[in-house]
Amino acid sequence: MPVMVIIRAPKVTPQAFEAVHEQVGWDDVPAAGAISHAIAFPNNGAVEVTVWESRKAFDTYYATRLEPVLRAFGIQLDDIEVLDTYSVAVGPPSLAYMVPAGAEAAKASALAH
């Protein structure tokens, strides 16, 4: 069952996020089981929402890729909420919001199918 993960990180800045993001290598090697990712920086810190194919996919990614990088940067996440999803819908318009390098190729490939 897909899960939605909400991470609230009051001390994480956009600069810290970019540094962690680069070290994790998400753009080069996307996380297995990841369906979607969004992050915002409201008044204090970061709020990240991801959707995963399963709890196991998220737990594996967190333990093997994200947590070691966070530890290296001295970042501890204390507010992680994992929810079973009721419904997940991702349509072709969502591809327009892909930012990483290679997004155009991925979008063209997805729309061709």
Protein backbone atom coordinates (compact mmCIF):
# COMPACT_ATOMS: atom_id res chain seq x y z
CA MET A 1 0.00 0.00 0.00
CA PRO A 2 1.38 3.46 -0.83
CA VAL A 3 2.31 5.70 2.06
CA MET A 4 2.56 9.47 2.41
CA VAL A 5 5.47 10.75 4.46
CA ILE A 6 5.35 14.21 6.02
CA ILE A 7 8.58 15.56 7.45
CA ARG A 8 8.63 18.79 9.42
CA ALA A 9 12.15 20.09 9.97
CA PRO A 10 12.15 23.50 11.67
CA LYS A 11 15.94 23.96 11.42
CA VAL A 12 16.38 22.96 7.76
CA THR A 13 17.03 25.82 5.36
CA PRO A 14 16.84 25.74 1.55
CA GLN A 15 20.65 25.71 1.51
CA ALA A 16 20.81 22.69 3.84
CA PHE A 17 18.19 20.92 1.75
CA GLU A 18 20.18 21.52 -1.45
CA ALA A 19 23.39 20.23 0.15
CA VAL A 20 21.68 17.06 1.43
CA HIS A 21 19.82 16.59 -1.86
CA GLU A 22 23.09 16.72 -3.81
CA GLN A 23 24.87 14.27 -1.48
CA VAL A 24 21.98 11.79 -1.53
CA GLY A 25 22.14 11.84 -5.33
CA TRP A 26 18.39 11.71 -5.93
CA ASP A 27 18.71 13.30 -9.39
CA ASP A 28 21.30 10.77 -10.55
CA VAL A 29 19.80 7.71 -8.88
CA PRO A 30 16.13 8.20 -7.99
CA ALA A 31 14.99 6.43 -4.86
CA ALA A 32 13.43 3.04 -5.51
CA GLY A 33 9.73 3.16 -4.74
CA ALA A 34 9.41 6.95 -4.68
CA ILE A 35 6.27 8.25 -6.39
CA SER A 36 6.36 11.99 -5.67
CA HIS A 37 8.24 14.62 -3.70
CA ALA A 38 7.47 18.21 -2.72
CA ILE A 39 9.13 20.54 -0.26
CA ALA A 40 8.24 24.00 1.02
CA PHE A 41 9.96 26.45 3.32
CA PRO A 42 7.27 28.25 5.30
CA ASN A 43 8.16 30.73 8.04
CA ASN A 44 10.28 28.30 10.00
CA GLY A 45 12.16 25.42 8.41
CA ALA A 46 11.05 22.85 5.90
CA VAL A 47 7.94 20.78 5.30
CA GLU A 48 8.42 17.87 2.92
CA VAL A 49 5.73 15.55 1.59
CA THR A 50 6.62 12.40 -0.30
CA VAL A 51 4.61 9.45 -1.53
CA TRP A 52 6.14 5.98 -1.66
CA GLU A 53 5.02 2.64 -3.08
CA SER A 54 5.27 1.13 0.41
CA ARG A 55 6.47 1.75 3.95
CA LYS A 56 9.33 -0.64 3.26
CA ALA A 57 10.47 1.46 0.27
CA PHE A 58 10.57 4.61 2.42
CA ASP A 59 12.27 2.86 5.35
CA THR A 60 14.94 1.41 3.06
CA TYR A 61 15.62 4.77 1.43
CA TYR A 62 15.74 6.55 4.76
CA ALA A 63 18.07 4.04 6.41
CA THR A 64 20.46 3.50 3.51
CA ARG A 65 20.59 6.84 1.71
CA LEU A 66 19.03 9.75 3.58
CA GLU A 67 19.88 9.16 7.23
CA PRO A 68 23.65 8.69 6.70
CA VAL A 69 23.82 12.01 4.81
CA LEU A 70 21.70 13.80 7.41
CA ARG A 71 24.00 12.48 10.12
CA ALA A 72 27.07 13.74 8.22
CA PHE A 73 25.50 17.22 8.09
CA GLY A 74 24.46 17.10 11.76
CA ILE A 75 20.74 17.14 10.93
CA GLN A 76 18.30 15.12 13.00
CA LEU A 77 14.69 14.73 11.90
CA ASP A 78 12.37 14.40 14.86
CA ASP A 79 9.00 14.94 13.20
CA ILE A 80 8.36 12.23 10.59
CA GLU A 81 4.79 11.11 10.03
CA VAL A 82 4.04 8.08 7.83
CA LEU A 83 0.42 7.65 6.77
CA ASP A 84 -1.27 4.90 4.80
CA THR A 85 -2.80 6.56 1.77
CA TYR A 86 -6.45 6.43 0.94
CA SER A 87 -5.92 7.58 -2.64
CA VAL A 88 -2.94 8.58 -4.79
CA ALA A 89 -3.35 10.31 -8.14
CA VAL A 90 -0.50 11.64 -10.26
CA GLY A 91 -1.41 12.76 -13.74
CA PRO A 92 0.55 14.00 -16.75
CA PRO A 93 0.25 17.67 -15.67
CA SER A 94 2.48 16.86 -12.69
CA LEU A 95 5.36 16.24 -15.09
CA ALA A 96 5.44 19.95 -15.86
CA TYR A 97 6.75 20.56 -12.33
CA MET A 98 9.80 18.31 -12.61
CA VAL A 99 12.88 20.44 -11.96
CA PRO A 100 16.00 18.21 -12.04
CA ALA A 101 18.29 17.85 -15.02
CA GLY A 102 16.87 15.32 -17.43
CA ALA A 103 13.31 16.27 -16.58
CA GLU A 104 12.53 17.13 -20.20
CA ALA A 105 13.64 13.69 -21.37
CA ALA A 106 11.67 11.99 -18.60
CA LYS A 107 8.59 14.05 -19.41
CA ALA A 108 8.83 13.26 -23.12
CA SER A 109 9.28 9.58 -22.39
CA ALA A 110 6.32 9.46 -19.99
CA LEU A 111 4.03 11.34 -22.35
CA ALA A 112 4.97 9.03 -25.23
CA HIS A 113 3.55 6.00 -23.43
